[in-house]
Amino acid sequence: MDSQFKKIDSLLSEKRIKLHTFEPSNRKIWTVVGTDREYWFNPDLGFCSCPGYYFNNKCYHLEFFTLAKTKNQIELITFSDDEYESFINSLISEL
């Protein structure tokens, strides 16, 4: 239980859930920083590309998204649309 609390505390305090917005198109991509890589994360679809979701169809990133949002513990990052393709390629290479 103690390690689960540390994971949750780290997720919130370090703002490891990130919303990447691309301008001017306003495309949005969610990611979450895990222990060893960054994962694609979509709270609207209830999906996360982390191993916990893949193997158990459940992950703590999704479970604590609402808490992170409520506590304003989400990092907001803005990019240019010109950076979209390289961002996606980088994210895919992490998978």
PDB file of N, CA and C in Angstrom:
ATOM      1  N   MET A   1       0.823  -1.191   0.000  1.00  0.00           N
ATOM      2  CA  MET A   1       0.000   0.000   0.000  1.00  0.00           C
ATOM      3  C   MET A   1       0.866   1.252   0.000  1.00  0.00           C
ATOM      4  N   ASP A   2       1.997   1.212   0.689  1.00  0.00           N
ATOM      5  CA  ASP A   2       2.881   2.369   0.777  1.00  0.00           C
ATOM      6  C   ASP A   2       3.438   2.740  -0.592  1.00  0.00           C
ATOM      7  N   SER A   3       3.807   1.754  -1.404  1.00  0.00           N
ATOM      8  CA  SER A   3       4.345   2.047  -2.733  1.00  0.00           C
ATOM      9  C   SER A   3       3.258   2.627  -3.637  1.00  0.00           C
ATOM     10  N   GLN A   4       2.021   2.175  -3.482  1.00  0.00           N
ATOM     11  CA  GLN A   4       0.908   2.735  -4.266  1.00  0.00           C
ATOM     12  C   GLN A   4       0.696   4.206  -3.891  1.00  0.00           C
ATOM     13  N   PHE A   5       0.769   4.540  -2.614  1.00  0.00           N
ATOM     14  CA  PHE A   5       0.627   5.928  -2.172  1.00  0.00           C
ATOM     15  C   PHE A   5       1.740   6.789  -2.758  1.00  0.00           C
ATOM     16  N   LYS A   6       2.964   6.264  -2.783  1.00  0.00           N
ATOM     17  CA  LYS A   6       4.088   7.018  -3.351  1.00  0.00           C
ATOM     18  C   LYS A   6       3.878   7.277  -4.843  1.00  0.00           C
ATOM     19  N   LYS A   7       3.363   6.280  -5.565  1.00  0.00           N
ATOM     20  CA  LYS A   7       3.083   6.453  -6.988  1.00  0.00           C
ATOM     21  C   LYS A   7       2.046   7.553  -7.205  1.00  0.00           C
ATOM     22  N   ILE A   8       0.995   7.526  -6.426  1.00  0.00           N
ATOM     23  CA  ILE A   8      -0.074   8.513  -6.559  1.00  0.00           C
ATOM     24  C   ILE A   8       0.431   9.895  -6.191  1.00  0.00           C
ATOM     25  N   ASP A   9       1.161   9.996  -5.095  1.00  0.00           N
ATOM     26  CA  ASP A   9       1.723  11.279  -4.672  1.00  0.00           C
ATOM     27  C   ASP A   9       2.653  11.845  -5.740  1.00  0.00           C
ATOM     28  N   SER A  10       3.476  11.000  -6.317  1.00  0.00           N
ATOM     29  CA  SER A  10       4.397  11.413  -7.374  1.00  0.00           C
ATOM     30  C   SER A  10       3.631  11.862  -8.615  1.00  0.00           C
ATOM     31  N   LEU A  11       2.599  11.125  -8.978  1.00  0.00           N
ATOM     32  CA  LEU A  11       1.774  11.462 -10.136  1.00  0.00           C
ATOM     33  C   LEU A  11       1.204  12.869  -9.998  1.00  0.00           C
ATOM     34  N   LEU A  12       0.733  13.195  -8.809  1.00  0.00           N
ATOM     35  CA  LEU A  12       0.117  14.498  -8.580  1.00  0.00           C
ATOM     36  C   LEU A  12       1.145  15.603  -8.348  1.00  0.00           C
ATOM     37  N   SER A  13       2.052  15.398  -7.425  1.00  0.00           N
ATOM     38  CA  SER A  13       2.976  16.473  -7.045  1.00  0.00           C
ATOM     39  C   SER A  13       3.941  16.849  -8.162  1.00  0.00           C
ATOM     40  N   GLU A  14       4.277  15.904  -9.012  1.00  0.00           N
ATOM     41  CA  GLU A  14       5.212  16.170 -10.111  1.00  0.00           C
ATOM     42  C   GLU A  14       4.498  16.522 -11.411  1.00  0.00           C
ATOM     43  N   LYS A  15       3.172  16.633 -11.348  1.00  0.00           N
ATOM     44  CA  LYS A  15       2.360  16.947 -12.537  1.00  0.00           C
ATOM     45  C   LYS A  15       2.760  16.062 -13.720  1.00  0.00           C
ATOM     46  N   ARG A  16       2.712  14.756 -13.480  1.00  0.00           N
ATOM     47  CA  ARG A  16       3.137  13.808 -14.505  1.00  0.00           C
ATOM     48  C   ARG A  16       2.073  13.547 -15.561  1.00  0.00           C
ATOM     49  N   ILE A  17       0.846  14.012 -15.348  1.00  0.00           N
ATOM     50  CA  ILE A  17      -0.169  13.969 -16.387  1.00  0.00           C
ATOM     51  C   ILE A  17      -0.048  15.274 -17.159  1.00  0.00           C
ATOM     52  N   LYS A  18       0.077  15.159 -18.487  1.00  0.00           N
ATOM     53  CA  LYS A  18       0.337  16.344 -19.307  1.00  0.00           C
ATOM     54  C   LYS A  18      -0.685  16.450 -20.435  1.00  0.00           C
ATOM     55  N   LEU A  19      -1.118  17.678 -20.672  1.00  0.00           N
ATOM     56  CA  LEU A  19      -1.981  17.961 -21.811  1.00  0.00           C
ATOM     57  C   LEU A  19      -1.177  18.790 -22.793  1.00  0.00           C
ATOM     58  N   HIS A  20      -0.933  18.210 -23.969  1.00  0.00           N
ATOM     59  CA  HIS A  20      -0.172  18.878 -25.032  1.00  0.00           C
ATOM     60  C   HIS A  20      -1.181  19.450 -26.025  1.00  0.00           C
ATOM     61  N   THR A  21      -1.150  20.759 -26.212  1.00  0.00           N
ATOM     62  CA  THR A  21      -2.046  21.425 -27.153  1.00  0.00           C
ATOM     63  C   THR A  21      -1.226  21.983 -28.298  1.00  0.00           C
ATOM     64  N   PHE A  22      -1.698  21.753 -29.513  1.00  0.00           N
ATOM     65  CA  PHE A  22      -1.006  22.220 -30.708  1.00  0.00           C
ATOM     66  C   PHE A  22      -1.784  23.388 -31.304  1.00  0.00           C
ATOM     67  N   GLU A  23      -1.066  24.473 -31.565  1.00  0.00           N
ATOM     68  CA  GLU A  23      -1.683  25.704 -32.071  1.00  0.00           C
ATOM     69  C   GLU A  23      -1.274  25.963 -33.504  1.00  0.00           C
ATOM     70  N   PRO A  24      -2.116  26.448 -34.341  1.00  0.00           N
ATOM     71  CA  PRO A  24      -3.453  26.977 -34.074  1.00  0.00           C
ATOM     72  C   PRO A  24      -4.582  25.951 -34.218  1.00  0.00           C
ATOM     73  N   SER A  25      -4.276  24.695 -34.537  1.00  0.00           N
ATOM     74  CA  SER A  25      -5.335  23.699 -34.787  1.00  0.00           C
ATOM     75  C   SER A  25      -6.122  23.330 -33.534  1.00  0.00           C
ATOM     76  N   ASN A  26      -5.521  23.517 -32.374  1.00  0.00           N
ATOM     77  CA  ASN A  26      -6.117  23.149 -31.083  1.00  0.00           C
ATOM     78  C   ASN A  26      -6.240  21.629 -30.903  1.00  0.00           C
ATOM     79  N   ARG A  27      -5.391  20.871 -31.600  1.00  0.00           N
ATOM     80  CA  ARG A  27      -5.337  19.421 -31.359  1.00  0.00           C
ATOM     81  C   ARG A  27      -4.765  19.195 -29.970  1.00  0.00           C
ATOM     82  N   LYS A  28      -5.277  18.171 -29.298  1.00  0.00           N
ATOM     83  CA  LYS A  28      -4.844  17.886 -27.930  1.00  0.00           C
ATOM     84  C   LYS A  28      -4.436  16.426 -27.798  1.00  0.00           C
ATOM     85  N   ILE A  29      -3.338  16.224 -27.105  1.00  0.00           N
ATOM     86  CA  ILE A  29      -2.864  14.871 -26.813  1.00  0.00           C
ATOM     87  C   ILE A  29      -2.484  14.823 -25.335  1.00  0.00           C
ATOM     88  N   TRP A  30      -3.007  13.825 -24.648  1.00  0.00           N
ATOM     89  CA  TRP A  30      -2.673  13.589 -23.242  1.00  0.00           C
ATOM     90  C   TRP A  30      -1.539  12.586 -23.157  1.00  0.00           C
ATOM     91  N   THR A  31      -0.612  12.818 -22.242  1.00  0.00           N
ATOM     92  CA  THR A  31       0.407  11.824 -21.923  1.00  0.00           C
ATOM     93  C   THR A  31       0.549  11.760 -20.409  1.00  0.00           C
ATOM     94  N   VAL A  32       1.159  10.683 -19.957  1.00  0.00           N
ATOM     95  CA  VAL A  32       1.481  10.543 -18.535  1.00  0.00           C
ATOM     96  C   VAL A  32       2.891   9.975 -18.455  1.00  0.00           C
ATOM     97  N   VAL A  33       3.686  10.534 -17.567  1.00  0.00           N
ATOM     98  CA  VAL A  33       5.059  10.081 -17.387  1.00  0.00           C
ATOM     99  C   VAL A  33       5.061   8.944 -16.366  1.00  0.00           C
ATOM    100  N   GLY A  34       5.463   7.779 -16.829  1.00  0.00           N
ATOM    101  CA  GLY A  34       5.560   6.613 -15.958  1.00  0.00           C
ATOM    102  C   GLY A  34       6.944   6.515 -15.345  1.00  0.00           C
ATOM    103  N   THR A  35       7.231   5.388 -14.759  1.00  0.00           N
ATOM    104  CA  THR A  35       8.530   5.215 -14.107  1.00  0.00           C
ATOM    105  C   THR A  35       9.683   5.126 -15.092  1.00  0.00           C
ATOM    106  N   ASP A  36       9.411   4.610 -16.301  1.00  0.00           N
ATOM    107  CA  ASP A  36      10.519   4.476 -17.245  1.00  0.00           C
ATOM    108  C   ASP A  36      10.253   5.066 -18.627  1.00  0.00           C
ATOM    109  N   ARG A  37       9.048   5.587 -18.882  1.00  0.00           N
ATOM    110  CA  ARG A  37       8.757   6.211 -20.171  1.00  0.00           C
ATOM    111  C   ARG A  37       7.464   7.011 -20.092  1.00  0.00           C
ATOM    112  N   GLU A  38       7.169   7.695 -21.177  1.00  0.00           N
ATOM    113  CA  GLU A  38       5.949   8.488 -21.264  1.00  0.00           C
ATOM    114  C   GLU A  38       4.923   7.699 -22.080  1.00  0.00           C
ATOM    115  N   TYR A  39       3.681   7.704 -21.628  1.00  0.00           N
ATOM    116  CA  TYR A  39       2.626   6.926 -22.259  1.00  0.00           C
ATOM    117  C   TYR A  39       1.537   7.829 -22.816  1.00  0.00           C
ATOM    118  N   TRP A  40       0.922   7.359 -23.913  1.00  0.00           N
ATOM    119  CA  TRP A  40      -0.253   8.039 -24.435  1.00  0.00           C
ATOM    120  C   TRP A  40      -1.398   7.710 -23.501  1.00  0.00           C
ATOM    121  N   PHE A  41      -2.202   8.712 -23.221  1.00  0.00           N
ATOM    122  CA  PHE A  41      -3.222   8.612 -22.204  1.00  0.00           C
ATOM    123  C   PHE A  41      -4.456   9.337 -22.733  1.00  0.00           C
ATOM    124  N   ASN A  42      -5.624   8.715 -22.692  1.00  0.00           N
ATOM    125  CA  ASN A  42      -6.835   9.384 -23.145  1.00  0.00           C
ATOM    126  C   ASN A  42      -7.950   9.150 -22.132  1.00  0.00           C
ATOM    127  N   PRO A  43      -8.161  10.115 -21.240  1.00  0.00           N
ATOM    128  CA  PRO A  43      -9.180   9.929 -20.205  1.00  0.00           C
ATOM    129  C   PRO A  43     -10.598   9.836 -20.765  1.00  0.00           C
ATOM    130  N   ASP A  44     -10.863  10.482 -21.909  1.00  0.00           N
ATOM    131  CA  ASP A  44     -12.203  10.408 -22.507  1.00  0.00           C
ATOM    132  C   ASP A  44     -12.524   9.009 -23.004  1.00  0.00           C
ATOM    133  N   LEU A  45     -11.503   8.308 -23.494  1.00  0.00           N
ATOM    134  CA  LEU A  45     -11.693   6.936 -23.976  1.00  0.00           C
ATOM    135  C   LEU A  45     -11.435   5.893 -22.886  1.00  0.00           C
ATOM    136  N   GLY A  46     -10.923   6.345 -21.729  1.00  0.00           N
ATOM    137  CA  GLY A  46     -10.579   5.405 -20.668  1.00  0.00           C
ATOM    138  C   GLY A  46      -9.429   4.503 -21.068  1.00  0.00           C
ATOM    139  N   PHE A  47      -8.420   5.086 -21.740  1.00  0.00           N
ATOM    140  CA  PHE A  47      -7.299   4.304 -22.265  1.00  0.00           C
ATOM    141  C   PHE A  47      -5.972   4.883 -21.812  1.00  0.00           C
ATOM    142  N   CYS A  48      -5.031   3.991 -21.547  1.00  0.00           N
ATOM    143  CA  CYS A  48      -3.652   4.367 -21.258  1.00  0.00           C
ATOM    144  C   CYS A  48      -2.761   3.297 -21.884  1.00  0.00           C
ATOM    145  N   SER A  49      -1.654   3.717 -22.481  1.00  0.00           N
ATOM    146  CA  SER A  49      -0.774   2.744 -23.129  1.00  0.00           C
ATOM    147  C   SER A  49       0.246   2.133 -22.163  1.00  0.00           C
ATOM    148  N   CYS A  50       0.064   2.333 -20.863  1.00  0.00           N
ATOM    149  CA  CYS A  50       0.993   1.769 -19.875  1.00  0.00           C
ATOM    150  C   CYS A  50       0.779   0.258 -19.724  1.00  0.00           C
ATOM    151  N   PRO A  51       1.775  -0.450 -19.195  1.00  0.00           N
ATOM    152  CA  PRO A  51       1.651  -1.902 -19.015  1.00  0.00           C
ATOM    153  C   PRO A  51       0.488  -2.309 -18.106  1.00  0.00           C
ATOM    154  N   GLY A  52       0.196  -1.509 -17.084  1.00  0.00           N
ATOM    155  CA  GLY A  52      -0.914  -1.846 -16.188  1.00  0.00           C
ATOM    156  C   GLY A  52      -2.231  -1.936 -16.934  1.00  0.00           C
ATOM    157  N   TYR A  53      -2.453  -0.992 -17.824  1.00  0.00           N
ATOM    158  CA  TYR A  53      -3.679  -1.022 -18.621  1.00  0.00           C
ATOM    159  C   TYR A  53      -3.636  -2.186 -19.613  1.00  0.00           C
ATOM    160  N   TYR A  54      -2.493  -2.366 -20.253  1.00  0.00           N
ATOM    161  CA  TYR A  54      -2.351  -3.409 -21.274  1.00  0.00           C
ATOM    162  C   TYR A  54      -2.608  -4.802 -20.694  1.00  0.00           C
ATOM    163  N   PHE A  55      -2.052  -5.077 -19.523  1.00  0.00           N
ATOM    164  CA  PHE A  55      -2.168  -6.413 -18.953  1.00  0.00           C
ATOM    165  C   PHE A  55      -3.404  -6.597 -18.081  1.00  0.00           C
ATOM    166  N   ASN A  56      -3.894  -5.517 -17.457  1.00  0.00           N
ATOM    167  CA  ASN A  56      -5.013  -5.650 -16.521  1.00  0.00           C
ATOM    168  C   ASN A  56      -6.245  -4.850 -16.922  1.00  0.00           C
ATOM    169  N   ASN A  57      -6.140  -4.080 -18.024  1.00  0.00           N
ATOM    170  CA  ASN A  57      -7.204  -3.170 -18.466  1.00  0.00           C
ATOM    171  C   ASN A  57      -7.570  -2.181 -17.360  1.00  0.00           C
ATOM    172  N   LYS A  58      -6.570  -1.825 -16.545  1.00  0.00           N
ATOM    173  CA  LYS A  58      -6.779  -0.901 -15.434  1.00  0.00           C
ATOM    174  C   LYS A  58      -5.428  -0.293 -15.075  1.00  0.00           C
ATOM    175  N   CYS A  59      -5.412   1.022 -14.818  1.00  0.00           N
ATOM    176  CA  CYS A  59      -4.157   1.630 -14.379  1.00  0.00           C
ATOM    177  C   CYS A  59      -4.453   2.779 -13.430  1.00  0.00           C
ATOM    178  N   TYR A  60      -3.503   3.092 -12.592  1.00  0.00           N
ATOM    179  CA  TYR A  60      -3.711   4.160 -11.618  1.00  0.00           C
ATOM    180  C   TYR A  60      -3.701   5.532 -12.264  1.00  0.00           C
ATOM    181  N   HIS A  61      -3.114   5.670 -13.464  1.00  0.00           N
ATOM    182  CA  HIS A  61      -3.137   6.953 -14.166  1.00  0.00           C
ATOM    183  C   HIS A  61      -4.580   7.360 -14.447  1.00  0.00           C
ATOM    184  N   LEU A  62      -5.358   6.428 -14.963  1.00  0.00           N
ATOM    185  CA  LEU A  62      -6.771   6.705 -15.239  1.00  0.00           C
ATOM    186  C   LEU A  62      -7.561   6.907 -13.956  1.00  0.00           C
ATOM    187  N   GLU A  63      -7.261   6.101 -12.960  1.00  0.00           N
ATOM    188  CA  GLU A  63      -7.999   6.173 -11.700  1.00  0.00           C
ATOM    189  C   GLU A  63      -7.854   7.529 -11.024  1.00  0.00           C
ATOM    190  N   PHE A  64      -6.682   8.138 -11.148  1.00  0.00           N
ATOM    191  CA  PHE A  64      -6.430   9.379 -10.417  1.00  0.00           C
ATOM    192  C   PHE A  64      -6.411  10.622 -11.301  1.00  0.00           C
ATOM    193  N   PHE A  65      -6.839  10.469 -12.554  1.00  0.00           N
ATOM    194  CA  PHE A  65      -6.912  11.617 -13.456  1.00  0.00           C
ATOM    195  C   PHE A  65      -7.845  12.696 -12.911  1.00  0.00           C
ATOM    196  N   THR A  66      -9.033  12.310 -12.459  1.00  0.00           N
ATOM    197  CA  THR A  66     -10.005  13.282 -11.957  1.00  0.00           C
ATOM    198  C   THR A  66      -9.449  14.036 -10.758  1.00  0.00           C
ATOM    199  N   LEU A  67      -8.769  13.336  -9.873  1.00  0.00           N
ATOM    200  CA  LEU A  67      -8.151  13.989  -8.714  1.00  0.00           C
ATOM    201  C   LEU A  67      -7.083  14.983  -9.159  1.00  0.00           C
ATOM    202  N   ALA A  68      -6.261  14.585 -10.114  1.00  0.00           N
ATOM    203  CA  ALA A  68      -5.219  15.479 -10.636  1.00  0.00           C
ATOM    204  C   ALA A  68      -5.849  16.726 -11.262  1.00  0.00           C
ATOM    205  N   LYS A  69      -6.914  16.529 -11.999  1.00  0.00           N
ATOM    206  CA  LYS A  69      -7.605  17.655 -12.637  1.00  0.00           C
ATOM    207  C   LYS A  69      -8.223  18.577 -11.584  1.00  0.00           C
ATOM    208  N   THR A  70      -8.869  18.000 -10.597  1.00  0.00           N
ATOM    209  CA  THR A  70      -9.495  18.775  -9.527  1.00  0.00           C
ATOM    210  C   THR A  70      -8.467  19.592  -8.752  1.00  0.00           C
ATOM    211  N   LYS A  71      -7.306  19.005  -8.501  1.00  0.00           N
ATOM    212  CA  LYS A  71      -6.253  19.683  -7.736  1.00  0.00           C
ATOM    213  C   LYS A  71      -5.347  20.544  -8.619  1.00  0.00           C
ATOM    214  N   ASN A  72      -5.711  20.658  -9.907  1.00  0.00           N
ATOM    215  CA  ASN A  72      -4.915  21.439 -10.852  1.00  0.00           C
ATOM    216  C   ASN A  72      -3.465  20.953 -10.894  1.00  0.00           C
ATOM    217  N   GLN A  73      -3.303  19.643 -10.924  1.00  0.00           N
ATOM    218  CA  GLN A  73      -1.986  19.012 -10.944  1.00  0.00           C
ATOM    219  C   GLN A  73      -1.698  18.411 -12.318  1.00  0.00           C
ATOM    220  N   ILE A  74      -2.100  19.119 -13.359  1.00  0.00           N
ATOM    221  CA  ILE A  74      -1.861  18.695 -14.730  1.00  0.00           C
ATOM    222  C   ILE A  74      -0.973  19.736 -15.391  1.00  0.00           C
ATOM    223  N   GLU A  75       0.061  19.272 -16.059  1.00  0.00           N
ATOM    224  CA  GLU A  75       0.948  20.195 -16.764  1.00  0.00           C
ATOM    225  C   GLU A  75       0.374  20.485 -18.143  1.00  0.00           C
ATOM    226  N   LEU A  76       0.255  21.766 -18.467  1.00  0.00           N
ATOM    227  CA  LEU A  76      -0.250  22.198 -19.764  1.00  0.00           C
ATOM    228  C   LEU A  76       0.925  22.664 -20.604  1.00  0.00           C
ATOM    229  N   ILE A  77       1.039  22.095 -21.814  1.00  0.00           N
ATOM    230  CA  ILE A  77       2.160  22.411 -22.696  1.00  0.00           C
ATOM    231  C   ILE A  77       1.596  22.779 -24.063  1.00  0.00           C
ATOM    232  N   THR A  78       2.092  23.874 -24.622  1.00  0.00           N
ATOM    233  CA  THR A  78       1.628  24.323 -25.929  1.00  0.00           C
ATOM    234  C   THR A  78       2.748  24.178 -26.953  1.00  0.00           C
ATOM    235  N   PHE A  79       2.393  23.616 -28.098  1.00  0.00           N
ATOM    236  CA  PHE A  79       3.317  23.442 -29.207  1.00  0.00           C
ATOM    237  C   PHE A  79       2.735  24.107 -30.449  1.00  0.00           C
ATOM    238  N   SER A  80       3.568  24.277 -31.424  1.00  0.00           N
ATOM    239  CA  SER A  80       3.132  24.720 -32.736  1.00  0.00           C
ATOM    240  C   SER A  80       2.661  23.505 -33.518  1.00  0.00           C
ATOM    241  N   ASP A  81       1.728  23.707 -34.434  1.00  0.00           N
ATOM    242  CA  ASP A  81       1.294  22.609 -35.296  1.00  0.00           C
ATOM    243  C   ASP A  81       2.456  22.018 -36.086  1.00  0.00           C
ATOM    244  N   ASP A  82       3.466  22.811 -36.347  1.00  0.00           N
ATOM    245  CA  ASP A  82       4.650  22.323 -37.067  1.00  0.00           C
ATOM    246  C   ASP A  82       5.371  21.216 -36.289  1.00  0.00           C
ATOM    247  N   GLU A  83       5.166  21.160 -34.997  1.00  0.00           N
ATOM    248  CA  GLU A  83       5.832  20.172 -34.145  1.00  0.00           C
ATOM    249  C   GLU A  83       5.017  18.891 -33.954  1.00  0.00           C
ATOM    250  N   TYR A  84       3.787  18.887 -34.472  1.00  0.00           N
ATOM    251  CA  TYR A  84       2.879  17.762 -34.242  1.00  0.00           C
ATOM    252  C   TYR A  84       3.442  16.425 -34.730  1.00  0.00           C
ATOM    253  N   GLU A  85       3.905  16.391 -35.963  1.00  0.00           N
ATOM    254  CA  GLU A  85       4.390  15.131 -36.533  1.00  0.00           C
ATOM    255  C   GLU A  85       5.573  14.568 -35.749  1.00  0.00           C
ATOM    256  N   SER A  86       6.535  15.406 -35.399  1.00  0.00           N
ATOM    257  CA  SER A  86       7.686  14.909 -34.639  1.00  0.00           C
ATOM    258  C   SER A  86       7.273  14.474 -33.233  1.00  0.00           C
ATOM    259  N   PHE A  87       6.290  15.156 -32.643  1.00  0.00           N
ATOM    260  CA  PHE A  87       5.794  14.764 -31.327  1.00  0.00           C
ATOM    261  C   PHE A  87       5.159  13.376 -31.392  1.00  0.00           C
ATOM    262  N   ILE A  88       4.306  13.166 -32.383  1.00  0.00           N
ATOM    263  CA  ILE A  88       3.643  11.868 -32.550  1.00  0.00           C
ATOM    264  C   ILE A  88       4.667  10.763 -32.793  1.00  0.00           C
ATOM    265  N   ASN A  89       5.633  11.039 -33.650  1.00  0.00           N
ATOM    266  CA  ASN A  89       6.687  10.047 -33.920  1.00  0.00           C
ATOM    267  C   ASN A  89       7.456   9.696 -32.656  1.00  0.00           C
ATOM    268  N   SER A  90       7.743  10.691 -31.854  1.00  0.00           N
ATOM    269  CA  SER A  90       8.459  10.466 -30.596  1.00  0.00           C
ATOM    270  C   SER A  90       7.610   9.630 -29.632  1.00  0.00           C
ATOM    271  N   LEU A  91       6.340   9.944 -29.560  1.00  0.00           N
ATOM    272  CA  LEU A  91       5.435   9.218 -28.677  1.00  0.00           C
ATOM    273  C   LEU A  91       5.294   7.764 -29.131  1.00  0.00           C
ATOM    274  N   ILE A  92       5.183   7.555 -30.425  1.00  0.00           N
ATOM    275  CA  ILE A  92       5.059   6.194 -30.959  1.00  0.00           C
ATOM    276  C   ILE A  92       6.326   5.385 -30.697  1.00  0.00           C
ATOM    277  N   SER A  93       7.474   6.034 -30.809  1.00  0.00           N
ATOM    278  CA  SER A  93       8.729   5.311 -30.567  1.00  0.00           C
ATOM    279  C   SER A  93       8.837   4.838 -29.122  1.00  0.00           C
ATOM    280  N   GLU A  94       8.132   5.500 -28.212  1.00  0.00           N
ATOM    281  CA  GLU A  94       8.123   5.091 -26.799  1.00  0.00           C
ATOM    282  C   GLU A  94       7.270   3.840 -26.587  1.00  0.00           C
ATOM    283  N   LEU A  95       6.305   3.621 -27.480  1.00  0.00           N
ATOM    284  CA  LEU A  95       5.417   2.473 -27.321  1.00  0.00           C
ATOM    285  C   LEU A  95       6.187   1.225 -27.640  1.00  0.00           C
TER     286      LEU A  95
END
